[in-house]
Amino acid sequence: MNLSDLMQLLFIFVISAFLGVELIGKVPSLLHTPLMSGTNAISGITIVAAIEICAVQDTGTVGMILSFLALIFATINVVGGYMVTNRMLKMFKKKDKEAK
């Protein structure tokens, strides 16, 4: 990976981060849970891709570090999303069932 490719990837990453913050900031609170379900699916794809990059391709040290970080962040997103979804679903259970 040469310096030109690395700068291009870094530019795409920075633009994506700004775009993500801008888009998520404008989503009403009522829509956060359905949006989280979609991001969990995307993060699942990211996890599979990061594992594939770590295991199969010869990306060098930089590629290995970046794919490991992608794996960590995507895993945090998936686990957090499932925790929030589980908490939300518990809110809709009837109180009589929990008491028994």
PDB file of N, CA and C in Angstrom:
ATOM      1  N   MET A   1       0.869  -1.174   0.000  1.00  0.00           N
ATOM      2  CA  MET A   1       0.000   0.000   0.000  1.00  0.00           C
ATOM      3  C   MET A   1       0.911   1.231   0.000  1.00  0.00           C
ATOM      4  N   ASN A   2       0.761   2.042  -1.014  1.00  0.00           N
ATOM      5  CA  ASN A   2       1.602   3.236  -1.097  1.00  0.00           C
ATOM      6  C   ASN A   2       0.917   4.416  -0.394  1.00  0.00           C
ATOM      7  N   LEU A   3       1.634   5.518  -0.329  1.00  0.00           N
ATOM      8  CA  LEU A   3       1.148   6.687   0.399  1.00  0.00           C
ATOM      9  C   LEU A   3      -0.101   7.284  -0.241  1.00  0.00           C
ATOM     10  N   SER A   4      -0.190   7.249  -1.561  1.00  0.00           N
ATOM     11  CA  SER A   4      -1.354   7.785  -2.262  1.00  0.00           C
ATOM     12  C   SER A   4      -2.631   7.010  -1.902  1.00  0.00           C
ATOM     13  N   ASP A   5      -2.532   5.679  -1.874  1.00  0.00           N
ATOM     14  CA  ASP A   5      -3.688   4.860  -1.496  1.00  0.00           C
ATOM     15  C   ASP A   5      -4.088   5.099  -0.044  1.00  0.00           C
ATOM     16  N   LEU A   6      -3.085   5.219   0.815  1.00  0.00           N
ATOM     17  CA  LEU A   6      -3.370   5.454   2.234  1.00  0.00           C
ATOM     18  C   LEU A   6      -4.054   6.800   2.450  1.00  0.00           C
ATOM     19  N   MET A   7      -3.609   7.829   1.747  1.00  0.00           N
ATOM     20  CA  MET A   7      -4.230   9.148   1.877  1.00  0.00           C
ATOM     21  C   MET A   7      -5.666   9.135   1.348  1.00  0.00           C
ATOM     22  N   GLN A   8      -5.893   8.404   0.265  1.00  0.00           N
ATOM     23  CA  GLN A   8      -7.246   8.301  -0.286  1.00  0.00           C
ATOM     24  C   GLN A   8      -8.173   7.587   0.695  1.00  0.00           C
ATOM     25  N   LEU A   9      -7.710   6.509   1.292  1.00  0.00           N
ATOM     26  CA  LEU A   9      -8.518   5.787   2.273  1.00  0.00           C
ATOM     27  C   LEU A   9      -8.779   6.625   3.520  1.00  0.00           C
ATOM     28  N   LEU A  10      -7.777   7.367   3.952  1.00  0.00           N
ATOM     29  CA  LEU A  10      -7.947   8.247   5.108  1.00  0.00           C
ATOM     30  C   LEU A  10      -8.959   9.349   4.808  1.00  0.00           C
ATOM     31  N   PHE A  11      -8.919   9.907   3.602  1.00  0.00           N
ATOM     32  CA  PHE A  11      -9.875  10.930   3.192  1.00  0.00           C
ATOM     33  C   PHE A  11     -11.300  10.374   3.193  1.00  0.00           C
ATOM     34  N   ILE A  12     -11.481   9.180   2.653  1.00  0.00           N
ATOM     35  CA  ILE A  12     -12.805   8.548   2.636  1.00  0.00           C
ATOM     36  C   ILE A  12     -13.296   8.292   4.055  1.00  0.00           C
ATOM     37  N   PHE A  13     -12.400   7.858   4.934  1.00  0.00           N
ATOM     38  CA  PHE A  13     -12.770   7.605   6.326  1.00  0.00           C
ATOM     39  C   PHE A  13     -13.224   8.886   7.021  1.00  0.00           C
ATOM     40  N   VAL A  14     -12.491   9.973   6.842  1.00  0.00           N
ATOM     41  CA  VAL A  14     -12.837  11.242   7.500  1.00  0.00           C
ATOM     42  C   VAL A  14     -14.163  11.781   6.973  1.00  0.00           C
ATOM     43  N   ILE A  15     -14.359  11.749   5.678  1.00  0.00           N
ATOM     44  CA  ILE A  15     -15.622  12.212   5.095  1.00  0.00           C
ATOM     45  C   ILE A  15     -16.784  11.352   5.597  1.00  0.00           C
ATOM     46  N   SER A  16     -16.570  10.038   5.674  1.00  0.00           N
ATOM     47  CA  SER A  16     -17.620   9.136   6.167  1.00  0.00           C
ATOM     48  C   SER A  16     -17.963   9.421   7.620  1.00  0.00           C
ATOM     49  N   ALA A  17     -16.964   9.707   8.422  1.00  0.00           N
ATOM     50  CA  ALA A  17     -17.210  10.018   9.832  1.00  0.00           C
ATOM     51  C   ALA A  17     -18.039  11.293   9.974  1.00  0.00           C
ATOM     52  N   PHE A  18     -17.679  12.334   9.248  1.00  0.00           N
ATOM     53  CA  PHE A  18     -18.451  13.577   9.308  1.00  0.00           C
ATOM     54  C   PHE A  18     -19.872  13.384   8.799  1.00  0.00           C
ATOM     55  N   LEU A  19     -20.019  12.663   7.707  1.00  0.00           N
ATOM     56  CA  LEU A  19     -21.338  12.401   7.155  1.00  0.00           C
ATOM     57  C   LEU A  19     -22.190  11.586   8.129  1.00  0.00           C
ATOM     58  N   GLY A  20     -21.602  10.584   8.757  1.00  0.00           N
ATOM     59  CA  GLY A  20     -22.328   9.767   9.731  1.00  0.00           C
ATOM     60  C   GLY A  20     -22.811  10.571  10.918  1.00  0.00           C
ATOM     61  N   VAL A  21     -21.949  11.424  11.459  1.00  0.00           N
ATOM     62  CA  VAL A  21     -22.344  12.266  12.594  1.00  0.00           C
ATOM     63  C   VAL A  21     -23.463  13.216  12.191  1.00  0.00           C
ATOM     64  N   GLU A  22     -23.357  13.783  11.008  1.00  0.00           N
ATOM     65  CA  GLU A  22     -24.379  14.720  10.534  1.00  0.00           C
ATOM     66  C   GLU A  22     -25.722  14.016  10.329  1.00  0.00           C
ATOM     67  N   LEU A  23     -25.701  12.838   9.737  1.00  0.00           N
ATOM     68  CA  LEU A  23     -26.946  12.114   9.483  1.00  0.00           C
ATOM     69  C   LEU A  23     -27.593  11.619  10.771  1.00  0.00           C
ATOM     70  N   ILE A  24     -26.827  11.043  11.662  1.00  0.00           N
ATOM     71  CA  ILE A  24     -27.378  10.507  12.905  1.00  0.00           C
ATOM     72  C   ILE A  24     -27.887  11.642  13.794  1.00  0.00           C
ATOM     73  N   GLY A  25     -27.225  12.778  13.755  1.00  0.00           N
ATOM     74  CA  GLY A  25     -27.653  13.919  14.579  1.00  0.00           C
ATOM     75  C   GLY A  25     -29.016  14.468  14.187  1.00  0.00           C
ATOM     76  N   LYS A  26     -29.427  14.246  12.953  1.00  0.00           N
ATOM     77  CA  LYS A  26     -30.706  14.777  12.486  1.00  0.00           C
ATOM     78  C   LYS A  26     -31.850  13.776  12.564  1.00  0.00           C
ATOM     79  N   VAL A  27     -31.576  12.578  13.068  1.00  0.00           N
ATOM     80  CA  VAL A  27     -32.620  11.550  13.177  1.00  0.00           C
ATOM     81  C   VAL A  27     -33.403  11.785  14.473  1.00  0.00           C
ATOM     82  N   PRO A  28     -34.727  11.835  14.397  1.00  0.00           N
ATOM     83  CA  PRO A  28     -35.526  11.998  15.625  1.00  0.00           C
ATOM     84  C   PRO A  28     -35.356  10.797  16.555  1.00  0.00           C
ATOM     85  N   SER A  29     -35.535  11.023  17.850  1.00  0.00           N
ATOM     86  CA  SER A  29     -35.346   9.964  18.843  1.00  0.00           C
ATOM     87  C   SER A  29     -36.252   8.772  18.593  1.00  0.00           C
ATOM     88  N   LEU A  30     -37.416   9.010  18.041  1.00  0.00           N
ATOM     89  CA  LEU A  30     -38.378   7.937  17.785  1.00  0.00           C
ATOM     90  C   LEU A  30     -37.854   6.927  16.763  1.00  0.00           C
ATOM     91  N   LEU A  31     -36.965   7.352  15.897  1.00  0.00           N
ATOM     92  CA  LEU A  31     -36.474   6.475  14.834  1.00  0.00           C
ATOM     93  C   LEU A  31     -35.125   5.841  15.143  1.00  0.00           C
ATOM     94  N   HIS A  32     -34.571   6.064  16.309  1.00  0.00           N
ATOM     95  CA  HIS A  32     -33.246   5.537  16.612  1.00  0.00           C
ATOM     96  C   HIS A  32     -33.216   4.014  16.649  1.00  0.00           C
ATOM     97  N   THR A  33     -34.247   3.377  17.198  1.00  0.00           N
ATOM     98  CA  THR A  33     -34.235   1.915  17.299  1.00  0.00           C
ATOM     99  C   THR A  33     -34.310   1.245  15.934  1.00  0.00           C
ATOM    100  N   PRO A  34     -35.211   1.645  15.026  1.00  0.00           N
ATOM    101  CA  PRO A  34     -35.163   1.025  13.688  1.00  0.00           C
ATOM    102  C   PRO A  34     -33.859   1.306  12.951  1.00  0.00           C
ATOM    103  N   LEU A  35     -33.301   2.489  13.164  1.00  0.00           N
ATOM    104  CA  LEU A  35     -32.032   2.822  12.536  1.00  0.00           C
ATOM    105  C   LEU A  35     -30.924   1.930  13.093  1.00  0.00           C
ATOM    106  N   MET A  36     -30.993   1.630  14.386  1.00  0.00           N
ATOM    107  CA  MET A  36     -29.986   0.787  15.012  1.00  0.00           C
ATOM    108  C   MET A  36     -30.036  -0.633  14.450  1.00  0.00           C
ATOM    109  N   SER A  37     -31.221  -1.112  14.124  1.00  0.00           N
ATOM    110  CA  SER A  37     -31.334  -2.440  13.528  1.00  0.00           C
ATOM    111  C   SER A  37     -30.611  -2.485  12.187  1.00  0.00           C
ATOM    112  N   GLY A  38     -30.747  -1.439  11.423  1.00  0.00           N
ATOM    113  CA  GLY A  38     -30.037  -1.372  10.144  1.00  0.00           C
ATOM    114  C   GLY A  38     -28.534  -1.296  10.315  1.00  0.00           C
ATOM    115  N   THR A  39     -28.077  -0.522  11.287  1.00  0.00           N
ATOM    116  CA  THR A  39     -26.634  -0.419  11.506  1.00  0.00           C
ATOM    117  C   THR A  39     -26.068  -1.708  12.078  1.00  0.00           C
ATOM    118  N   ASN A  40     -26.870  -2.472  12.823  1.00  0.00           N
ATOM    119  CA  ASN A  40     -26.398  -3.777  13.290  1.00  0.00           C
ATOM    120  C   ASN A  40     -26.134  -4.705  12.111  1.00  0.00           C
ATOM    121  N   ALA A  41     -26.998  -4.673  11.126  1.00  0.00           N
ATOM    122  CA  ALA A  41     -26.788  -5.511   9.937  1.00  0.00           C
ATOM    123  C   ALA A  41     -25.525  -5.086   9.194  1.00  0.00           C
ATOM    124  N   ILE A  42     -25.328  -3.792   9.055  1.00  0.00           N
ATOM    125  CA  ILE A  42     -24.120  -3.293   8.383  1.00  0.00           C
ATOM    126  C   ILE A  42     -22.877  -3.633   9.194  1.00  0.00           C
ATOM    127  N   SER A  43     -22.967  -3.521  10.514  1.00  0.00           N
ATOM    128  CA  SER A  43     -21.816  -3.855  11.351  1.00  0.00           C
ATOM    129  C   SER A  43     -21.501  -5.345  11.306  1.00  0.00           C
ATOM    130  N   GLY A  44     -22.521  -6.172  11.141  1.00  0.00           N
ATOM    131  CA  GLY A  44     -22.276  -7.602  10.968  1.00  0.00           C
ATOM    132  C   GLY A  44     -21.477  -7.875   9.705  1.00  0.00           C
ATOM    133  N   ILE A  45     -21.802  -7.163   8.636  1.00  0.00           N
ATOM    134  CA  ILE A  45     -21.042  -7.297   7.392  1.00  0.00           C
ATOM    135  C   ILE A  45     -19.617  -6.798   7.594  1.00  0.00           C
ATOM    136  N   THR A  46     -19.451  -5.719   8.353  1.00  0.00           N
ATOM    137  CA  THR A  46     -18.121  -5.186   8.642  1.00  0.00           C
ATOM    138  C   THR A  46     -17.292  -6.190   9.424  1.00  0.00           C
ATOM    139  N   ILE A  47     -17.916  -6.886  10.368  1.00  0.00           N
ATOM    140  CA  ILE A  47     -17.194  -7.893  11.150  1.00  0.00           C
ATOM    141  C   ILE A  47     -16.690  -9.009  10.246  1.00  0.00           C
ATOM    142  N   VAL A  48     -17.553  -9.498   9.370  1.00  0.00           N
ATOM    143  CA  VAL A  48     -17.144 -10.578   8.451  1.00  0.00           C
ATOM    144  C   VAL A  48     -16.015 -10.102   7.539  1.00  0.00           C
ATOM    145  N   ALA A  49     -16.126  -8.889   7.025  1.00  0.00           N
ATOM    146  CA  ALA A  49     -15.090  -8.360   6.136  1.00  0.00           C
ATOM    147  C   ALA A  49     -13.767  -8.167   6.873  1.00  0.00           C
ATOM    148  N   ALA A  50     -13.814  -7.680   8.109  1.00  0.00           N
ATOM    149  CA  ALA A  50     -12.577  -7.472   8.878  1.00  0.00           C
ATOM    150  C   ALA A  50     -11.900  -8.796   9.200  1.00  0.00           C
ATOM    151  N   ILE A  51     -12.685  -9.807   9.520  1.00  0.00           N
ATOM    152  CA  ILE A  51     -12.107 -11.134   9.776  1.00  0.00           C
ATOM    153  C   ILE A  51     -11.471 -11.684   8.502  1.00  0.00           C
ATOM    154  N   GLU A  52     -12.143 -11.482   7.372  1.00  0.00           N
ATOM    155  CA  GLU A  52     -11.601 -11.961   6.099  1.00  0.00           C
ATOM    156  C   GLU A  52     -10.306 -11.245   5.748  1.00  0.00           C
ATOM    157  N   ILE A  53     -10.249  -9.960   5.992  1.00  0.00           N
ATOM    158  CA  ILE A  53      -9.035  -9.204   5.689  1.00  0.00           C
ATOM    159  C   ILE A  53      -7.894  -9.640   6.598  1.00  0.00           C
ATOM    160  N   CYS A  54      -8.178  -9.851   7.874  1.00  0.00           N
ATOM    161  CA  CYS A  54      -7.135 -10.295   8.809  1.00  0.00           C
ATOM    162  C   CYS A  54      -6.625 -11.689   8.445  1.00  0.00           C
ATOM    163  N   ALA A  55      -7.529 -12.578   8.051  1.00  0.00           N
ATOM    164  CA  ALA A  55      -7.170 -13.983   7.878  1.00  0.00           C
ATOM    165  C   ALA A  55      -6.637 -14.309   6.485  1.00  0.00           C
ATOM    166  N   VAL A  56      -7.191 -13.709   5.454  1.00  0.00           N
ATOM    167  CA  VAL A  56      -6.915 -14.182   4.105  1.00  0.00           C
ATOM    168  C   VAL A  56      -5.907 -13.304   3.369  1.00  0.00           C
ATOM    169  N   GLN A  57      -6.108 -12.004   3.384  1.00  0.00           N
ATOM    170  CA  GLN A  57      -5.309 -11.138   2.535  1.00  0.00           C
ATOM    171  C   GLN A  57      -4.017 -10.696   3.216  1.00  0.00           C
ATOM    172  N   ASP A  58      -3.008 -10.469   2.408  1.00  0.00           N
ATOM    173  CA  ASP A  58      -1.726  -9.977   2.900  1.00  0.00           C
ATOM    174  C   ASP A  58      -1.741  -8.451   2.815  1.00  0.00           C
ATOM    175  N   THR A  59      -2.200  -7.797   3.885  1.00  0.00           N
ATOM    176  CA  THR A  59      -2.374  -6.345   3.858  1.00  0.00           C
ATOM    177  C   THR A  59      -1.252  -5.603   4.566  1.00  0.00           C
ATOM    178  N   GLY A  60      -0.369  -6.307   5.192  1.00  0.00           N
ATOM    179  CA  GLY A  60       0.707  -5.649   5.911  1.00  0.00           C
ATOM    180  C   GLY A  60       0.258  -5.212   7.295  1.00  0.00           C
ATOM    181  N   THR A  61       1.125  -4.515   7.969  1.00  0.00           N
ATOM    182  CA  THR A  61       0.859  -4.109   9.349  1.00  0.00           C
ATOM    183  C   THR A  61      -0.269  -3.093   9.438  1.00  0.00           C
ATOM    184  N   VAL A  62      -0.262  -2.101   8.544  1.00  0.00           N
ATOM    185  CA  VAL A  62      -1.295  -1.059   8.584  1.00  0.00           C
ATOM    186  C   VAL A  62      -2.674  -1.655   8.312  1.00  0.00           C
ATOM    187  N   GLY A  63      -2.769  -2.509   7.309  1.00  0.00           N
ATOM    188  CA  GLY A  63      -4.043  -3.149   7.002  1.00  0.00           C
ATOM    189  C   GLY A  63      -4.528  -4.036   8.133  1.00  0.00           C
ATOM    190  N   MET A  64      -3.604  -4.729   8.782  1.00  0.00           N
ATOM    191  CA  MET A  64      -3.964  -5.599   9.893  1.00  0.00           C
ATOM    192  C   MET A  64      -4.476  -4.778  11.077  1.00  0.00           C
ATOM    193  N   ILE A  65      -3.830  -3.666  11.374  1.00  0.00           N
ATOM    194  CA  ILE A  65      -4.262  -2.808  12.487  1.00  0.00           C
ATOM    195  C   ILE A  65      -5.630  -2.194  12.187  1.00  0.00           C
ATOM    196  N   LEU A  66      -5.811  -1.694  10.959  1.00  0.00           N
ATOM    197  CA  LEU A  66      -7.091  -1.085  10.605  1.00  0.00           C
ATOM    198  C   LEU A  66      -8.228  -2.100  10.600  1.00  0.00           C
ATOM    199  N   SER A  67      -7.969  -3.294  10.110  1.00  0.00           N
ATOM    200  CA  SER A  67      -9.029  -4.310  10.119  1.00  0.00           C
ATOM    201  C   SER A  67      -9.338  -4.766  11.539  1.00  0.00           C
ATOM    202  N   PHE A  68      -8.338  -4.814  12.403  1.00  0.00           N
ATOM    203  CA  PHE A  68      -8.578  -5.167  13.805  1.00  0.00           C
ATOM    204  C   PHE A  68      -9.409  -4.090  14.494  1.00  0.00           C
ATOM    205  N   LEU A  69      -9.101  -2.819  14.226  1.00  0.00           N
ATOM    206  CA  LEU A  69      -9.896  -1.729  14.803  1.00  0.00           C
ATOM    207  C   LEU A  69     -11.332  -1.754  14.279  1.00  0.00           C
ATOM    208  N   ALA A  70     -11.499  -2.048  12.989  1.00  0.00           N
ATOM    209  CA  ALA A  70     -12.849  -2.160  12.421  1.00  0.00           C
ATOM    210  C   ALA A  70     -13.606  -3.299  13.097  1.00  0.00           C
ATOM    211  N   LEU A  71     -12.923  -4.392  13.361  1.00  0.00           N
ATOM    212  CA  LEU A  71     -13.542  -5.528  14.039  1.00  0.00           C
ATOM    213  C   LEU A  71     -13.983  -5.149  15.450  1.00  0.00           C
ATOM    214  N   ILE A  72     -13.143  -4.453  16.175  1.00  0.00           N
ATOM    215  CA  ILE A  72     -13.474  -4.040  17.544  1.00  0.00           C
ATOM    216  C   ILE A  72     -14.663  -3.072  17.553  1.00  0.00           C
ATOM    217  N   PHE A  73     -14.606  -2.035  16.728  1.00  0.00           N
ATOM    218  CA  PHE A  73     -15.679  -1.032  16.720  1.00  0.00           C
ATOM    219  C   PHE A  73     -17.005  -1.614  16.238  1.00  0.00           C
ATOM    220  N   ALA A  74     -16.968  -2.466  15.232  1.00  0.00           N
ATOM    221  CA  ALA A  74     -18.206  -3.076  14.745  1.00  0.00           C
ATOM    222  C   ALA A  74     -18.803  -4.012  15.789  1.00  0.00           C
ATOM    223  N   THR A  75     -17.951  -4.731  16.509  1.00  0.00           N
ATOM    224  CA  THR A  75     -18.440  -5.616  17.566  1.00  0.00           C
ATOM    225  C   THR A  75     -19.086  -4.814  18.688  1.00  0.00           C
ATOM    226  N   ILE A  76     -18.478  -3.701  19.064  1.00  0.00           N
ATOM    227  CA  ILE A  76     -19.063  -2.831  20.090  1.00  0.00           C
ATOM    228  C   ILE A  76     -20.425  -2.325  19.632  1.00  0.00           C
ATOM    229  N   ASN A  77     -20.541  -1.957  18.361  1.00  0.00           N
ATOM    230  CA  ASN A  77     -21.801  -1.457  17.823  1.00  0.00           C
ATOM    231  C   ASN A  77     -22.877  -2.537  17.838  1.00  0.00           C
ATOM    232  N   VAL A  78     -22.533  -3.746  17.448  1.00  0.00           N
ATOM    233  CA  VAL A  78     -23.512  -4.834  17.426  1.00  0.00           C
ATOM    234  C   VAL A  78     -23.971  -5.189  18.834  1.00  0.00           C
ATOM    235  N   VAL A  79     -23.034  -5.336  19.761  1.00  0.00           N
ATOM    236  CA  VAL A  79     -23.394  -5.690  21.145  1.00  0.00           C
ATOM    237  C   VAL A  79     -24.236  -4.588  21.779  1.00  0.00           C
ATOM    238  N   GLY A  80     -23.829  -3.343  21.593  1.00  0.00           N
ATOM    239  CA  GLY A  80     -24.615  -2.228  22.136  1.00  0.00           C
ATOM    240  C   GLY A  80     -26.001  -2.153  21.528  1.00  0.00           C
ATOM    241  N   GLY A  81     -26.096  -2.400  20.236  1.00  0.00           N
ATOM    242  CA  GLY A  81     -27.401  -2.383  19.571  1.00  0.00           C
ATOM    243  C   GLY A  81     -28.329  -3.456  20.098  1.00  0.00           C
ATOM    244  N   TYR A  82     -27.791  -4.651  20.315  1.00  0.00           N
ATOM    245  CA  TYR A  82     -28.630  -5.716  20.858  1.00  0.00           C
ATOM    246  C   TYR A  82     -29.024  -5.437  22.304  1.00  0.00           C
ATOM    247  N   MET A  83     -28.139  -4.814  23.071  1.00  0.00           N
ATOM    248  CA  MET A  83     -28.488  -4.476  24.460  1.00  0.00           C
ATOM    249  C   MET A  83     -29.620  -3.449  24.498  1.00  0.00           C
ATOM    250  N   VAL A  84     -29.537  -2.445  23.648  1.00  0.00           N
ATOM    251  CA  VAL A  84     -30.584  -1.423  23.600  1.00  0.00           C
ATOM    252  C   VAL A  84     -31.896  -2.019  23.105  1.00  0.00           C
ATOM    253  N   THR A  85     -31.829  -2.875  22.086  1.00  0.00           N
ATOM    254  CA  THR A  85     -33.044  -3.513  21.575  1.00  0.00           C
ATOM    255  C   THR A  85     -33.679  -4.398  22.629  1.00  0.00           C
ATOM    256  N   ASN A  86     -32.866  -5.160  23.359  1.00  0.00           N
ATOM    257  CA  ASN A  86     -33.382  -6.009  24.423  1.00  0.00           C
ATOM    258  C   ASN A  86     -34.039  -5.171  25.521  1.00  0.00           C
ATOM    259  N   ARG A  87     -33.425  -4.066  25.868  1.00  0.00           N
ATOM    260  CA  ARG A  87     -33.999  -3.179  26.891  1.00  0.00           C
ATOM    261  C   ARG A  87     -35.328  -2.595  26.421  1.00  0.00           C
ATOM    262  N   MET A  88     -35.379  -2.220  25.143  1.00  0.00           N
ATOM    263  CA  MET A  88     -36.614  -1.664  24.595  1.00  0.00           C
ATOM    264  C   MET A  88     -37.727  -2.716  24.587  1.00  0.00           C
ATOM    265  N   LEU A  89     -37.406  -3.960  24.223  1.00  0.00           N
ATOM    266  CA  LEU A  89     -38.411  -5.006  24.196  1.00  0.00           C
ATOM    267  C   LEU A  89     -38.930  -5.331  25.598  1.00  0.00           C
ATOM    268  N   LYS A  90     -38.081  -5.210  26.600  1.00  0.00           N
ATOM    269  CA  LYS A  90     -38.528  -5.432  27.981  1.00  0.00           C
ATOM    270  C   LYS A  90     -39.543  -4.382  28.418  1.00  0.00           C
ATOM    271  N   MET A  91     -39.481  -3.206  27.847  1.00  0.00           N
ATOM    272  CA  MET A  91     -40.427  -2.146  28.194  1.00  0.00           C
ATOM    273  C   MET A  91     -41.842  -2.487  27.729  1.00  0.00           C
ATOM    274  N   PHE A  92     -41.969  -3.327  26.703  1.00  0.00           N
ATOM    275  CA  PHE A  92     -43.272  -3.640  26.164  1.00  0.00           C
ATOM    276  C   PHE A  92     -43.901  -4.898  26.768  1.00  0.00           C
ATOM    277  N   LYS A  93     -43.171  -5.592  27.649  1.00  0.00           N
ATOM    278  CA  LYS A  93     -43.743  -6.767  28.304  1.00  0.00           C
ATOM    279  C   LYS A  93     -44.735  -6.331  29.369  1.00  0.00           C
ATOM    280  N   LYS A  94     -45.736  -7.169  29.569  1.00  0.00           N
ATOM    281  CA  LYS A  94     -46.740  -6.855  30.588  1.00  0.00           C
ATOM    282  C   LYS A  94     -46.154  -7.079  31.966  1.00  0.00           C
ATOM    283  N   LYS A  95     -46.579  -6.283  32.919  1.00  0.00           N
ATOM    284  CA  LYS A  95     -46.067  -6.363  34.283  1.00  0.00           C
ATOM    285  C   LYS A  95     -46.475  -7.659  34.973  1.00  0.00           C
ATOM    286  N   ASP A  96     -47.638  -8.243  34.631  1.00  0.00           N
ATOM    287  CA  ASP A  96     -48.117  -9.463  35.279  1.00  0.00           C
ATOM    288  C   ASP A  96     -47.188 -10.635  34.993  1.00  0.00           C
ATOM    289  N   LYS A  97     -46.638 -10.720  33.816  1.00  0.00           N
ATOM    290  CA  LYS A  97     -45.765 -11.822  33.448  1.00  0.00           C
ATOM    291  C   LYS A  97     -44.435 -11.743  34.193  1.00  0.00           C
ATOM    292  N   GLU A  98     -43.954 -10.535  34.436  1.00  0.00           N
ATOM    293  CA  GLU A  98     -42.674 -10.377  35.143  1.00  0.00           C
ATOM    294  C   GLU A  98     -42.815 -10.722  36.623  1.00  0.00           C
ATOM    295  N   ALA A  99     -43.973 -10.514  37.216  1.00  0.00           N
ATOM    296  CA  ALA A  99     -44.166 -10.772  38.641  1.00  0.00           C
ATOM    297  C   ALA A  99     -44.200 -12.257  38.949  1.00  0.00           C
ATOM    298  N   LYS A 100     -44.635 -13.091  38.006  1.00  0.00           N
ATOM    299  CA  LYS A 100     -44.743 -14.537  38.246  1.00  0.00           C
ATOM    300  C   LYS A 100     -43.445 -15.222  38.165  1.00  0.00           C
TER     301      LYS A 100
END
